[in-house]
Protein backbone atom coordinates (compact mmCIF):
# COMPACT_ATOMS: atom_id res chain seq x y z
CA MET A 1 -9.80 15.60 22.94
CA THR A 2 -6.10 14.80 22.79
CA GLU A 3 -4.46 13.79 19.52
CA LYS A 4 -3.77 10.29 20.89
CA ILE A 5 -7.41 9.75 21.89
CA LYS A 6 -8.64 11.05 18.53
CA ASN A 7 -6.28 8.72 16.63
CA ALA A 8 -7.37 5.80 18.82
CA LEU A 9 -11.04 6.59 18.10
CA LEU A 10 -10.38 6.81 14.37
CA ASN A 11 -8.56 3.48 14.37
CA ALA A 12 -11.29 1.87 16.47
CA CYS A 13 -13.90 3.23 14.05
CA ARG A 14 -12.06 1.78 11.04
CA THR A 15 -11.92 -1.63 12.73
CA LEU A 16 -15.57 -1.51 13.82
CA LEU A 17 -16.81 -0.43 10.39
CA ARG A 18 -15.17 -3.29 8.48
CA PRO A 19 -17.79 -5.96 9.32
CA ILE A 20 -20.55 -3.33 8.95
CA ALA A 21 -19.28 -2.29 5.51
CA LEU A 22 -18.97 -5.97 4.54
CA LEU A 23 -22.60 -6.66 5.45
CA LEU A 24 -23.90 -3.50 3.79
CA MET A 25 -22.10 -4.19 0.52
CA LYS A 26 -23.32 -7.80 0.54
CA GLY A 27 -26.81 -6.34 0.85
CA GLY A 28 -26.28 -3.90 -2.01
CA MET A 29 -26.09 -0.69 0.06
CA THR A 30 -23.76 2.08 -1.13
CA TRP A 31 -21.45 4.30 0.93
CA LYS A 32 -23.69 7.27 0.09
CA GLU A 33 -26.72 5.61 1.64
CA PHE A 34 -24.64 4.75 4.71
CA ALA A 35 -23.41 8.36 4.94
CA GLU A 36 -27.00 9.65 4.96
CA ILE A 37 -28.02 7.17 7.66
CA SER A 38 -24.90 8.07 9.66
CA LYS A 39 -25.82 11.76 9.53
CA SER A 40 -29.33 10.99 10.77
CA VAL A 41 -28.02 8.84 13.63
CA PHE A 42 -25.49 11.50 14.68
CA VAL A 43 -28.35 14.01 14.98
CA ALA A 44 -30.57 11.54 16.86
CA VAL A 45 -27.84 10.59 19.36
CA ALA A 46 -26.79 14.20 19.95
CA THR A 47 -30.44 15.12 20.50
CA ASP A 48 -31.29 12.23 22.82
CA GLU A 49 -28.07 11.67 24.77
CA PHE A 50 -26.57 15.13 25.33
CA GLY A 51 -29.54 17.08 26.67
CA ILE A 52 -29.48 18.90 30.00
CA ARG A 53 -31.75 17.74 32.86
CA GLY A 54 -33.49 15.24 30.62
CA ARG A 55 -34.46 17.72 27.91
CA PRO A 56 -33.57 17.13 24.21
CA THR A 57 -30.43 18.92 23.05
CA ASN A 58 -31.16 22.17 21.21
CA VAL A 59 -30.35 22.62 17.53
CA SER A 60 -27.28 24.81 18.10
CA ARG A 61 -25.62 22.34 20.46
CA VAL A 62 -26.42 19.42 18.15
CA SER A 63 -24.70 21.37 15.37
CA ILE A 64 -21.63 21.93 17.56
CA LEU A 65 -21.45 18.28 18.65
CA THR A 66 -21.93 16.78 15.19
CA GLY A 67 -20.34 19.36 12.88
CA ILE A 68 -23.59 19.43 10.88
CA SER A 69 -25.07 22.82 9.96
CA ARG A 70 -28.03 24.08 12.01
CA LYS A 71 -30.22 24.07 8.88
CA GLU A 72 -29.38 20.43 8.18
CA VAL A 73 -29.83 19.47 11.84
CA LYS A 74 -33.36 20.89 11.74
CA ARG A 75 -34.10 19.05 8.50
CA GLN A 76 -32.84 15.78 9.95
CA ARG A 77 -34.86 16.25 13.14
CA ASP A 78 -38.00 16.95 11.12
CA LEU A 79 -37.43 13.74 9.15
CA LEU A 80 -36.83 11.78 12.34
CA ALA A 81 -39.98 13.21 13.93
CA ALA A 82 -41.93 12.13 10.85
CA ASP A 83 -40.31 8.68 11.07
CA GLN A 84 -38.84 9.15 7.60
CA PRO A 85 -35.04 8.82 7.89
CA PRO A 86 -33.38 10.23 4.77
CA THR A 87 -32.16 7.87 2.10
CA SER A 88 -29.87 8.70 -0.76
CA SER A 89 -30.99 8.59 -4.37
CA LYS A 90 -27.49 7.37 -5.25
CA THR A 91 -27.51 3.64 -5.86
CA THR A 92 -25.17 1.13 -7.45
CA ASP A 93 -24.88 0.73 -11.20
CA ALA A 94 -26.21 -2.82 -10.79
CA THR A 95 -29.37 -1.81 -8.93
CA ARG A 96 -29.99 1.18 -11.23
CA LEU A 97 -29.87 -1.11 -14.27
CA LEU A 98 -32.23 -3.66 -12.68
CA SER A 99 -34.63 -0.87 -11.65
CA GLY A 100 -34.65 0.46 -15.21
CA TRP A 101 -35.36 -3.03 -16.50
CA HIS A 102 -38.38 -3.25 -14.15
CA GLN A 103 -39.69 0.30 -14.70
CA ASP A 104 -38.90 1.47 -18.24
CA SER A 105 -41.85 0.60 -20.49
CA ALA A 106 -39.46 -0.10 -23.37
CA TYR A 107 -38.22 -3.15 -21.46
CA LEU A 108 -41.56 -4.44 -20.13
CA ASP A 109 -44.07 -6.86 -21.63
CA LYS A 110 -47.81 -6.16 -21.79
CA GLY A 111 -48.22 -7.43 -18.24
CA GLY A 112 -45.56 -5.07 -16.88
CA ALA A 113 -42.92 -7.77 -16.35
CA PRO A 114 -39.29 -7.34 -17.48
CA LEU A 115 -38.72 -8.64 -21.01
CA PRO A 116 -36.09 -11.27 -21.78
CA LEU A 117 -33.37 -9.40 -23.65
CA LYS A 118 -30.96 -10.40 -26.37
CA SER A 119 -27.39 -9.46 -25.52
CA SER A 120 -26.86 -6.88 -28.26
CA GLY A 121 -28.66 -4.95 -30.95
CA PRO A 122 -31.26 -2.18 -31.00
CA ALA A 123 -33.67 -1.66 -28.10
CA PRO A 124 -34.97 -3.58 -26.38
CA SER A 125 -31.67 -5.38 -25.78
CA PHE A 126 -29.32 -5.66 -22.83
CA GLU A 127 -26.86 -3.50 -24.75
CA SER A 128 -29.38 -0.64 -25.03
CA LEU A 129 -30.48 -1.14 -21.40
CA PHE A 130 -26.86 -0.87 -20.29
CA GLN A 131 -26.34 2.28 -22.33
CA ALA A 132 -29.33 3.88 -20.59
CA TYR A 133 -28.78 2.68 -17.02
CA GLY A 134 -25.40 0.96 -16.70
CA GLY A 135 -23.35 3.89 -15.42
CA ASP A 136 -19.58 3.80 -15.77
CA THR A 137 -19.01 0.13 -14.93
CA PRO A 138 -17.80 -1.88 -17.97
CA GLU A 139 -20.71 -3.85 -19.43
CA GLN A 140 -19.13 -7.30 -19.17
CA THR A 141 -18.00 -6.61 -15.61
CA LEU A 142 -21.56 -5.66 -14.67
CA VAL A 143 -23.02 -8.73 -16.41
CA ARG A 144 -20.56 -10.97 -14.55
CA GLU A 145 -21.39 -9.38 -11.18
CA LEU A 146 -25.14 -9.64 -11.75
CA SER A 147 -24.85 -13.24 -12.94
CA ASN A 148 -22.63 -14.37 -10.07
CA ALA A 149 -25.09 -12.92 -7.54
CA GLY A 150 -28.12 -14.51 -9.19
CA SER A 151 -29.64 -11.14 -10.11
CA ILE A 152 -29.87 -12.06 -13.80
CA GLY A 153 -29.86 -15.33 -15.72
CA HIS A 154 -30.55 -16.86 -19.12
CA ASP A 155 -33.73 -18.44 -20.46
CA ASP A 156 -33.92 -21.44 -22.78
CA ALA A 157 -33.51 -19.18 -25.81
CA GLY A 158 -30.28 -17.74 -24.42
CA HIS A 159 -31.81 -14.34 -23.64
CA LEU A 160 -30.87 -12.47 -20.49
CA VAL A 161 -33.65 -12.36 -17.87
CA ALA A 162 -34.03 -10.26 -14.72
CA LEU A 163 -34.34 -12.39 -11.59
CA ARG A 164 -34.34 -9.57 -9.05
CA ARG A 165 -35.37 -5.93 -8.93
CA TYR A 166 -32.53 -4.94 -6.59
CA HIS A 167 -28.97 -6.23 -6.69
CA MET A 168 -27.92 -8.13 -3.56
CA PRO A 169 -24.44 -9.67 -3.84
CA ALA A 170 -25.21 -12.21 -1.08
CA GLU A 171 -28.41 -13.91 0.07
CA MET A 172 -29.61 -12.67 3.46
CA ASP A 173 -32.33 -13.49 5.95
CA GLU A 174 -34.32 -10.49 7.19
CA GLY A 175 -34.46 -11.76 10.76
CA ASN A 176 -30.71 -12.36 10.90
CA VAL A 177 -30.06 -8.85 9.57
CA ARG A 178 -32.14 -7.45 12.43
CA PHE A 179 -30.15 -9.57 14.90
CA PHE A 180 -26.93 -8.16 13.46
CA GLY A 181 -28.09 -4.66 14.31
CA THR A 182 -29.49 -5.36 17.77
CA ASN A 183 -26.66 -7.65 18.90
CA LEU A 184 -23.96 -5.24 17.72
CA HIS A 185 -25.84 -2.39 19.42
CA ASP A 186 -26.05 -4.25 22.74
CA HIS A 187 -22.37 -5.20 22.75
CA ALA A 188 -21.16 -1.75 21.68
CA ARG A 189 -23.47 -0.04 24.21
CA THR A 190 -21.94 -2.08 27.05
CA LEU A 191 -18.42 -1.28 25.89
CA CYS A 192 -19.28 2.42 25.59
CA ASN A 193 -20.78 2.43 29.10
CA ASN A 194 -17.64 0.89 30.60
CA LEU A 195 -15.31 3.15 28.64
CA THR A 196 -16.98 6.53 29.09
CA GLU A 197 -19.40 6.46 32.02
CA ALA A 198 -17.10 6.73 35.03
CA SER A 199 -19.99 7.15 37.47
CA ALA A 200 -22.16 4.39 35.97
CA GLN A 201 -22.24 0.83 37.17
CA ARG A 202 -19.79 -1.27 35.19
CA LEU A 203 -21.46 -3.94 33.08
CA LEU A 204 -20.06 -7.43 32.53
CA GLU A 205 -17.88 -7.67 29.45
CA GLY A 206 -14.71 -9.56 28.71
CA PHE A 207 -13.00 -11.86 26.26
CA ALA A 208 -10.51 -14.70 26.07
CA VAL A 209 -8.40 -14.84 22.91
CA ASP A 210 -5.01 -16.14 21.81
CA ASP A 211 -3.40 -15.63 18.39
CA ARG A 212 -1.00 -18.58 18.74
CA VAL A 213 -3.49 -21.48 18.75
CA HIS A 214 -2.60 -24.56 16.69
CA PRO A 215 -4.81 -24.75 13.57
CA ASP A 216 -5.61 -28.41 14.27
CA ALA A 217 -7.57 -27.27 17.35
CA VAL A 218 -10.06 -25.07 15.44
CA GLU A 219 -12.87 -27.62 15.12
CA GLU A 220 -12.42 -28.84 18.69
CA PHE A 221 -12.64 -25.25 19.97
CA ARG A 222 -15.79 -24.56 17.94
CA ALA A 223 -17.46 -27.69 19.33
CA PHE A 224 -16.38 -26.71 22.86
CA LEU A 225 -17.93 -23.26 22.43
CA ASP A 226 -21.17 -24.64 21.02
CA SER A 227 -21.57 -26.96 24.00
CA ARG A 228 -20.54 -24.66 26.85
CA GLY A 229 -22.03 -21.54 25.30
CA GLN A 230 -25.45 -23.19 24.89
CA GLN A 231 -25.30 -24.40 28.48
CA ILE A 232 -24.61 -20.90 29.80
CA LEU A 233 -27.34 -19.33 27.67
CA GLU A 234 -29.90 -21.86 28.89
CA GLU A 235 -29.00 -21.08 32.51
CA ILE A 236 -29.37 -17.34 31.85
CA ASP A 237 -32.68 -17.91 30.06
CA ASP A 238 -34.03 -19.90 33.03
CA TRP A 239 -33.01 -17.10 35.44
CA LEU A 240 -34.61 -14.40 33.29
CA THR A 241 -37.83 -16.44 33.01
CA GLU A 242 -38.00 -16.72 36.81
CA HIS A 243 -37.84 -12.92 37.09
CA ARG A 244 -40.28 -11.95 34.34
CA VAL A 245 -43.01 -9.44 35.19
CA ASP A 246 -46.42 -10.95 34.67
CA GLU A 247 -48.18 -9.34 31.69
CA SER A 248 -51.23 -8.70 33.86
CA ASP A 249 -49.19 -6.68 36.38
CA SER A 250 -49.45 -3.05 35.28
CA SER A 251 -47.85 -1.71 38.48
CA VAL A 252 -44.31 -2.55 37.30
CA THR A 253 -42.46 -1.25 34.23
CA PRO A 254 -40.28 -4.12 32.92
CA VAL A 255 -36.63 -3.64 31.95
CA ARG A 256 -34.55 -5.43 29.32
CA LEU A 257 -31.68 -7.60 30.61
CA GLY A 258 -29.67 -10.42 29.08
CA LEU A 259 -26.32 -11.82 28.03
CA GLY A 260 -24.77 -12.09 24.59
CA ILE A 261 -22.03 -14.55 23.59
CA TYR A 262 -19.97 -14.45 20.42
CA ALA A 263 -17.06 -16.47 19.07
CA ILE A 264 -13.74 -14.94 18.04
CA ASP A 265 -12.59 -16.71 14.90
CA GLY A 266 -10.03 -15.17 12.54
CA SER A 267 -7.45 -12.42 12.40
CA LEU A 268 -7.95 -8.73 13.04
CA PRO A 269 -7.65 -6.38 10.03
CA GLU A 270 -4.05 -5.75 8.98
CA GLY A 271 -2.43 -3.03 11.04
CA THR A 272 -4.88 -3.33 13.95
CA GLN A 273 -3.35 -3.66 17.38
CA SER A 274 -5.03 -6.21 19.63
């Protein structure tokens, strides 16, 4: 790998990871958890995609490709085989405090539910809970973050109450989170195919973008995309339906085909070359 290609890959990675990091932090995931998942995925991809004559890549070559020790590669592959991807025990101060509130018997009522807590004073109080589980984040900063996200609130007596067990800075829909992963995978896989697979058939991908559009045209452009984009997707859906394999036909193994459309709306991260 030349220095120019390596720098280009690093810059592309930084750009790609920004929306991913944004989503993960809105969902309450830490960088440590992401690092563990990243390690697992590196091992899985090296194993599945770099084998010879269709066989899985051996441990030594996976170690060379990923920079992960052979011992750790084997551990990761064992976890993957058991369908138990590793997760980090490191969590955010906010989630650790909420978990303590839900698990520590000193802060639970007789039914096992989190007690309403007065702000200060001896245990059980929010002050004592913070001292036990709050980490190194300033207490008022943590209270403000938890309150703004709807993770804690106040009851009629003015006591703090736990509204969630895990801190999530933004509300999310499970189905939409899954779509984020699959749609980003499909788009990135097509780009990777066209960039690296010289002998493979090139797949359709392209874009139309201009960074000098008048701001008064934003809403008109969005309406234009909604109309034309929906029309195209309906045409593609009709075509795919016409070519579906009947579920009763076991003589044919179906394949997955489709088209994804996305809007470009906003600036690239500072310093990124378009």
